[in-house]
Protein backbone atom coordinates (compact mmCIF):
# COMPACT_ATOMS: atom_id res chain seq x y z
CA MET A 1 6.20 3.47 -2.63
CA ARG A 2 3.30 1.53 -4.04
CA ALA A 3 -0.11 2.99 -2.29
CA PRO A 4 -1.37 -1.22 -2.55
CA LEU A 5 1.20 -1.92 -0.30
CA LEU A 6 -0.57 0.05 2.46
CA MET A 7 -2.98 -2.58 2.69
CA ALA A 8 -0.39 -4.80 4.58
CA GLY A 9 -0.72 -2.31 7.32
CA VAL A 10 -4.70 -2.43 7.51
CA ALA A 11 -4.17 -6.07 7.40
CA ALA A 12 -1.84 -6.24 10.51
CA LEU A 13 -4.24 -3.94 11.98
CA LEU A 14 -7.20 -6.53 10.78
CA THR A 15 -5.31 -9.37 12.61
CA LEU A 16 -5.00 -7.45 16.31
CA SER A 17 -9.10 -5.74 15.81
CA LEU A 18 -9.97 -9.49 15.12
CA ALA A 19 -8.29 -11.33 17.63
CA ALA A 20 -9.01 -8.78 20.00
CA ALA A 21 -12.96 -9.36 19.24
CA CYS A 22 -12.29 -13.24 19.34
CA SER A 23 -10.77 -12.91 23.10
CA THR A 24 -10.94 -15.71 25.74
CA ALA A 25 -11.96 -12.99 28.69
CA PRO A 26 -15.73 -12.64 29.97
CA ARG A 27 -17.54 -10.02 28.48
CA THR A 28 -19.91 -8.05 31.19
CA THR A 29 -22.63 -7.76 29.17
CA ASP A 30 -24.06 -8.83 25.16
CA GLY A 31 -24.22 -4.79 24.21
CA VAL A 32 -20.78 -5.10 24.54
CA ALA A 33 -20.19 -8.06 22.87
CA THR A 34 -22.13 -7.03 20.00
CA ALA A 35 -19.88 -3.64 19.50
CA LYS A 36 -16.63 -5.68 18.66
CA ASN A 37 -18.17 -8.28 17.00
CA GLN A 38 -19.64 -5.18 14.85
CA ALA A 39 -16.42 -3.31 14.82
CA ALA A 40 -14.56 -6.14 13.43
CA GLN A 41 -17.26 -7.36 10.56
CA ASP A 42 -16.81 -3.25 9.26
CA SER A 43 -13.03 -3.76 9.59
CA THR A 44 -13.09 -6.35 7.29
CA ASN A 45 -15.39 -5.47 5.06
CA GLY A 46 -12.81 -2.53 4.85
CA GLU A 47 -10.04 -3.96 4.12
CA ALA A 48 -11.98 -6.18 1.71
CA TYR A 49 -12.61 -3.11 -0.45
CA TYR A 50 -9.57 -0.99 0.61
CA ARG A 51 -7.82 -4.18 -1.73
CA GLN A 52 -10.08 -3.58 -4.53
CA GLY A 53 -8.85 0.04 -4.56
CA ARG A 54 -12.38 1.32 -3.13
CA TYR A 55 -10.65 3.47 -0.76
CA ASP A 56 -14.26 5.86 -0.77
CA LEU A 57 -16.09 2.66 0.82
CA ALA A 58 -12.67 1.11 3.08
CA LEU A 59 -13.16 4.55 4.93
CA GLN A 60 -16.70 4.13 5.66
CA PHE A 61 -16.84 0.53 6.99
CA PHE A 62 -13.30 2.16 8.84
CA THR A 63 -15.60 4.52 10.25
CA ARG A 64 -18.11 2.44 11.03
CA SER A 65 -15.41 0.49 13.04
CA LEU A 66 -14.51 3.46 14.74
CA ASN A 67 -17.36 4.88 16.00
CA ALA A 68 -18.75 0.76 16.99
CA TYR A 69 -15.51 0.81 19.51
CA THR A 70 -15.99 4.23 20.86
CA SER A 71 -19.46 3.10 21.80
CA VAL A 72 -17.98 1.03 24.34
CA ASP A 73 -14.70 2.98 25.09
CA ASN A 74 -12.65 -0.27 23.47
CA GLU A 75 -8.83 2.05 23.33
CA GLU A 76 -7.52 -0.78 21.49
CA GLY A 77 -10.33 -1.13 18.85
CA ILE A 78 -10.09 2.52 18.96
CA VAL A 79 -6.61 2.70 18.16
CA GLN A 80 -7.11 0.08 15.65
CA SER A 81 -9.57 1.78 13.66
CA TYR A 82 -7.53 5.15 13.71
CA ASN A 83 -4.84 3.10 12.16
CA ALA A 84 -7.23 1.99 8.97
CA ILE A 85 -8.15 5.40 8.74
CA GLY A 86 -5.56 7.16 8.44
CA THR A 87 -3.78 4.25 5.92
CA THR A 88 -6.69 4.98 3.98
CA TYR A 89 -6.68 9.05 3.91
CA MET A 90 -3.01 8.41 3.08
CA ALA A 91 -3.91 6.06 -0.19
CA MET A 92 -6.33 8.35 -0.76
CA GLY A 93 -3.62 10.92 -0.98
CA SER A 94 -5.20 12.98 1.89
CA LEU A 95 -1.74 12.95 3.73
CA ASP A 96 -2.14 16.18 6.25
CA MET A 97 -5.55 14.45 7.58
CA ALA A 98 -3.99 11.19 7.36
CA GLU A 99 -1.25 13.01 9.02
CA GLU A 100 -3.69 13.80 12.10
CA ILE A 101 -5.11 11.15 12.24
CA LEU A 102 -2.20 8.79 12.52
CA ILE A 103 -0.58 10.88 14.93
CA ARG A 104 -3.07 10.52 17.35
CA ALA A 105 -2.92 6.70 17.02
CA ARG A 106 1.18 6.53 18.34
CA GLU A 107 -0.18 8.51 20.72
CA ARG A 108 -2.43 6.74 21.95
CA SER A 109 -1.05 3.21 21.64
CA ARG A 110 2.05 4.53 24.17
CA GLY A 111 1.49 1.98 27.14
CA MET A 112 -0.39 -0.44 24.94
CA ASP A 113 0.18 -3.86 24.08
CA PRO A 114 3.88 -3.57 21.72
CA PRO A 115 2.68 -4.90 18.30
CA LEU A 116 -0.02 -1.85 18.13
CA LEU A 117 2.45 0.47 19.24
CA ALA A 118 5.21 -0.48 16.80
CA ILE A 119 2.59 -0.73 13.63
CA SER A 120 1.57 3.34 15.01
CA THR A 121 5.15 4.45 14.77
CA ASN A 122 5.97 2.29 11.31
CA ASN A 123 2.85 3.74 9.32
CA LEU A 124 3.51 7.41 11.45
CA GLY A 125 6.61 6.70 9.32
CA GLU A 126 5.17 6.13 6.53
CA LEU A 127 3.39 8.22 6.34
CA TYR A 128 6.13 10.65 6.25
CA LEU A 129 7.97 8.85 3.39
CA ALA A 130 4.56 9.64 0.99
CA LYS A 131 4.67 13.31 2.43
CA GLY A 132 8.51 13.51 0.55
CA GLU A 133 10.23 14.07 3.77
CA ALA A 134 12.41 11.07 4.14
CA GLN A 135 15.16 12.43 6.78
CA LYS A 136 12.27 12.67 9.35
CA ALA A 137 10.60 9.10 7.87
CA LEU A 138 14.04 7.16 8.86
CA GLY A 139 14.09 8.86 12.71
CA ILE A 140 10.51 7.08 13.33
CA LEU A 141 10.93 4.19 11.56
CA GLU A 142 14.49 3.06 13.16
CA GLU A 143 12.60 4.04 16.62
CA ALA A 144 9.98 1.00 15.45
CA LEU A 145 13.19 -1.30 14.75
CA ALA A 146 14.36 -0.76 18.27
CA MET A 147 11.69 -1.64 19.82
CA PRO A 148 11.99 -5.27 21.49
CA ALA A 149 11.73 -7.95 18.65
CA GLY A 150 8.52 -9.75 20.40
CA ALA A 151 7.00 -6.14 20.01
CA ARG A 152 6.71 -7.13 16.07
CA THR A 153 4.64 -10.03 13.91
CA PRO A 154 6.61 -11.10 10.84
CA MET A 155 4.08 -8.30 9.36
CA GLN A 156 4.72 -5.33 10.82
CA THR A 157 8.23 -6.04 10.89
CA GLY A 158 8.31 -7.07 7.04
CA LEU A 159 6.37 -4.14 6.46
CA LEU A 160 9.05 -1.98 9.18
CA TYR A 161 12.16 -3.12 6.88
CA HIS A 162 10.41 -2.19 3.11
CA ASN A 163 9.76 1.46 4.78
CA LEU A 164 12.85 1.25 6.18
CA GLY A 165 14.17 0.42 2.49
CA ILE A 166 12.15 3.53 0.91
CA ALA A 167 13.39 5.77 3.63
CA GLN A 168 17.38 5.08 2.41
CA LYS A 169 15.93 4.89 -2.09
CA ASP A 170 14.65 8.24 -1.19
CA LEU A 171 17.52 9.23 0.56
CA GLY A 172 20.22 7.97 -2.20
CA ASN A 173 21.16 5.14 -0.87
CA PRO A 174 20.32 2.13 -3.45
CA ALA A 175 22.41 -0.47 -1.51
CA LYS A 176 21.18 -0.33 1.57
CA ALA A 177 17.46 0.34 0.20
CA GLN A 178 17.36 -3.07 -1.76
CA GLU A 179 19.45 -4.77 1.41
CA TYR A 180 16.26 -4.10 2.93
CA TYR A 181 13.61 -4.76 0.45
CA ARG A 182 15.49 -7.96 0.36
CA LYS A 183 15.07 -8.13 4.21
CA SER A 184 11.44 -7.49 3.98
CA LEU A 185 10.76 -9.87 0.96
CA GLU A 186 12.06 -12.86 2.96
CA ILE A 187 10.17 -12.11 5.97
CA ASN A 188 7.09 -12.07 3.55
CA LEU A 189 7.86 -15.64 1.47
CA ALA A 190 8.11 -17.31 4.50
CA ASN A 191 5.20 -16.27 5.71
CA LYS A 192 3.41 -16.43 2.69
CA LEU A 193 2.07 -13.01 2.99
CA ILE A 194 1.62 -12.84 -0.61
CA ALA A 195 0.51 -9.40 -0.86
CA GLN A 196 3.56 -7.38 0.72
CA ALA A 197 6.19 -9.58 -1.35
CA ALA A 198 4.94 -8.07 -4.67
CA GLY A 199 5.30 -4.85 -3.06
CA ASP A 200 7.90 -5.89 -2.39
CA TYR A 201 9.40 -7.17 -5.49
CA TYR A 202 8.13 -4.01 -7.29
CA MET A 203 10.63 -1.64 -5.11
CA ILE A 204 13.69 -4.28 -6.22
CA ALA A 205 12.19 -3.47 -9.56
CA ALA A 206 13.02 0.04 -9.41
CA VAL A 207 15.81 -0.11 -8.19
CA HIS A 208 17.68 -1.97 -10.81
CA SER A 209 15.52 -0.43 -13.30
CA LYS A 210 16.76 3.05 -11.88
CA ASN A 211 20.45 1.40 -11.90
CA GLY A 212 20.24 0.73 -15.61
CA GLU A 213 19.61 -3.00 -14.79
CA TYR A 214 16.76 -3.71 -16.81
CA ALA A 215 17.07 -7.88 -17.51
CA GLU A 216 16.78 -7.67 -13.44
CA ALA A 217 14.15 -5.16 -13.34
CA GLU A 218 11.59 -6.62 -15.99
CA LYS A 219 11.90 -9.59 -13.78
CA ASN A 220 10.75 -8.26 -10.63
CA ALA A 221 8.49 -6.36 -11.77
CA ALA A 222 6.76 -9.48 -13.17
CA LEU A 223 7.01 -11.97 -10.17
CA ALA A 224 5.39 -8.31 -8.75
CA LEU A 225 3.29 -8.88 -11.55
CA ALA A 226 1.96 -12.32 -10.44
CA ALA A 227 1.73 -12.20 -7.00
CA ASP A 228 -0.60 -9.33 -7.34
CA LYS A 229 -2.34 -11.62 -9.62
CA GLN A 230 -2.60 -14.38 -7.10
CA ILE A 231 -4.23 -12.30 -5.21
CA GLU A 232 -6.44 -10.27 -7.19
CA ASN A 233 -4.97 -7.17 -5.78
CA SER A 234 -6.41 -4.82 -8.99
CA PRO A 235 -4.56 -1.69 -8.01
CA GLY A 236 -1.08 -3.44 -7.53
CA ILE A 237 -1.63 -5.30 -10.94
CA ALA A 238 -2.50 -1.84 -12.31
CA LEU A 239 0.70 -0.37 -11.30
CA ASP A 240 3.66 -3.37 -12.05
CA LEU A 241 2.00 -3.04 -15.37
CA TYR A 242 2.83 0.42 -15.94
CA ALA A 243 6.42 -0.20 -14.25
CA MET A 244 6.82 -2.93 -16.90
CA GLY A 245 5.48 -0.65 -20.32
CA LEU A 246 8.84 1.82 -18.10
CA ILE A 247 10.91 -0.53 -18.19
CA ALA A 248 10.21 -1.50 -22.06
CA ASN A 249 10.66 2.07 -22.55
CA ARG A 250 13.96 1.96 -21.50
CA ARG A 251 15.19 -0.48 -23.25
CA ARG A 252 13.60 0.80 -26.10
CA ASP A 253 11.24 -2.28 -26.86
CA ALA A 254 7.66 0.03 -28.21
CA ALA A 255 5.65 -2.73 -28.95
CA ALA A 256 6.07 -4.42 -25.22
CA ALA A 257 5.93 -0.60 -23.36
CA TYR A 258 2.82 -0.80 -25.96
CA ASP A 259 0.81 -3.74 -24.96
CA TYR A 260 1.74 -3.72 -20.75
CA PHE A 261 0.62 0.41 -21.02
CA GLN A 262 -2.84 -0.65 -22.42
CA ARG A 263 -3.15 -3.66 -19.86
CA SER A 264 -2.95 -0.68 -16.79
CA SER A 265 -4.54 1.48 -18.64
CA LEU A 266 -7.71 -1.15 -19.20
CA VAL A 267 -7.13 -1.91 -15.24
CA TYR A 268 -7.38 1.65 -14.14
CA THR A 269 -10.34 2.50 -15.96
CA THR A 270 -12.45 -1.06 -14.29
CA LEU A 271 -11.24 1.31 -11.00
CA GLY A 272 -12.02 4.36 -12.25
CA TRP A 273 -9.05 6.62 -10.92
CA LYS A 274 -8.33 9.10 -13.33
CA PRO A 275 -5.13 10.47 -12.85
CA GLU A 276 -3.56 6.86 -13.03
CA MET A 277 -5.46 6.36 -16.34
CA LYS A 278 -4.29 10.22 -17.58
CA LYS A 279 -0.73 8.89 -16.95
CA ALA A 280 -1.42 5.17 -18.90
CA LEU A 281 -2.87 7.04 -21.63
CA THR A 282 -0.27 9.48 -21.87
CA GLU A 283 2.40 7.03 -22.52
CA LEU A 284 0.14 4.77 -24.83
CA VAL A 285 -0.01 8.19 -27.36
CA ALA A 286 3.64 8.15 -27.15
CA ALA A 287 4.31 4.30 -27.54
CA ALA A 288 1.69 4.69 -30.38
CA ASP A 289 3.57 7.21 -31.97
CA ALA A 290 6.39 5.15 -31.67
CA LEU A 291 4.88 2.31 -33.33
CA GLY A 292 3.69 4.03 -36.60
CA ARG A 293 0.31 3.10 -35.10
CA THR A 294 -1.60 7.31 -36.30
CA ALA A 295 -4.87 5.90 -35.66
CA GLU A 296 -4.70 4.65 -32.14
CA ALA A 297 -2.46 7.48 -31.36
CA GLU A 298 -5.06 9.68 -32.22
CA ALA A 299 -7.70 7.57 -30.35
CA PHE A 300 -5.86 7.53 -27.27
CA ARG A 301 -5.54 11.22 -27.47
CA LYS A 302 -9.03 11.79 -27.57
CA ALA A 303 -9.83 9.37 -24.44
CA LEU A 304 -7.35 11.48 -22.82
CA ALA A 305 -9.37 15.26 -23.62
CA ASP A 306 -12.29 13.11 -22.11
CA LEU A 307 -10.80 12.51 -19.22
CA ASP A 308 -10.02 16.40 -18.58
CA ARG A 309 -13.55 16.88 -19.39
CA PRO A 310 -16.24 17.85 -16.81
């Protein structure tokens, strides 16, 4: 599962949050209106930082949004904020913290508007995918799928199918996984949900690559890259380039692999993501060695060593 796709869940929650803030229902006091509007603005800022891969700043703004909603006892806003915070912790790799918060979000969403329960259920399923508990995730995601269709927005339905695809892939059912990914892609393209479509293309490419279907893998990875570039999704761009490098390796094109890994490494460097930088640099060393570019391979080894220094 690629972390940048988590933005889909955050974006879905942001849509709900803005709708609540812009409600035509009469407000009892200016203070309540101000708190809701501030919470919505903080959510918007958090989503922007999330898109950039700056999860620490996203977390700060989502927490501010939670505090604002809590100050006026806005229960839907509280659940939306829990979900945004939980998915951000998930992207940061803090899975135990994410689990605690997403369970809380799901329990509090029961009895609220159906779309809120649907996204809370989906997010919890996604968390168990991230923890490697595919069977548990599948059960939760199928609960969300069993909800009435009207309980989900098109974005939420696409995200649900995408996550069901991941669960089936992890359980060793690639054909079923591709079926779900393509259902998700169809919805996302029809609704011009570019970030979500990029995630679908990426996962379709991953299944093709695992099956040795490298031409189809490369084609879909390139479509993912084009979509992520369209919306300037830096984490997605870096991951797409890295995946294209792996595909090039498997079809024994060291020159193409070198190019993709170098570009991926540069994007990760701008993000400051050290673990991902190390992965890209490790592949760059191997690609440079394969091409006989000894000096460059040594430079990449030095860069790797520098990353391990305090």
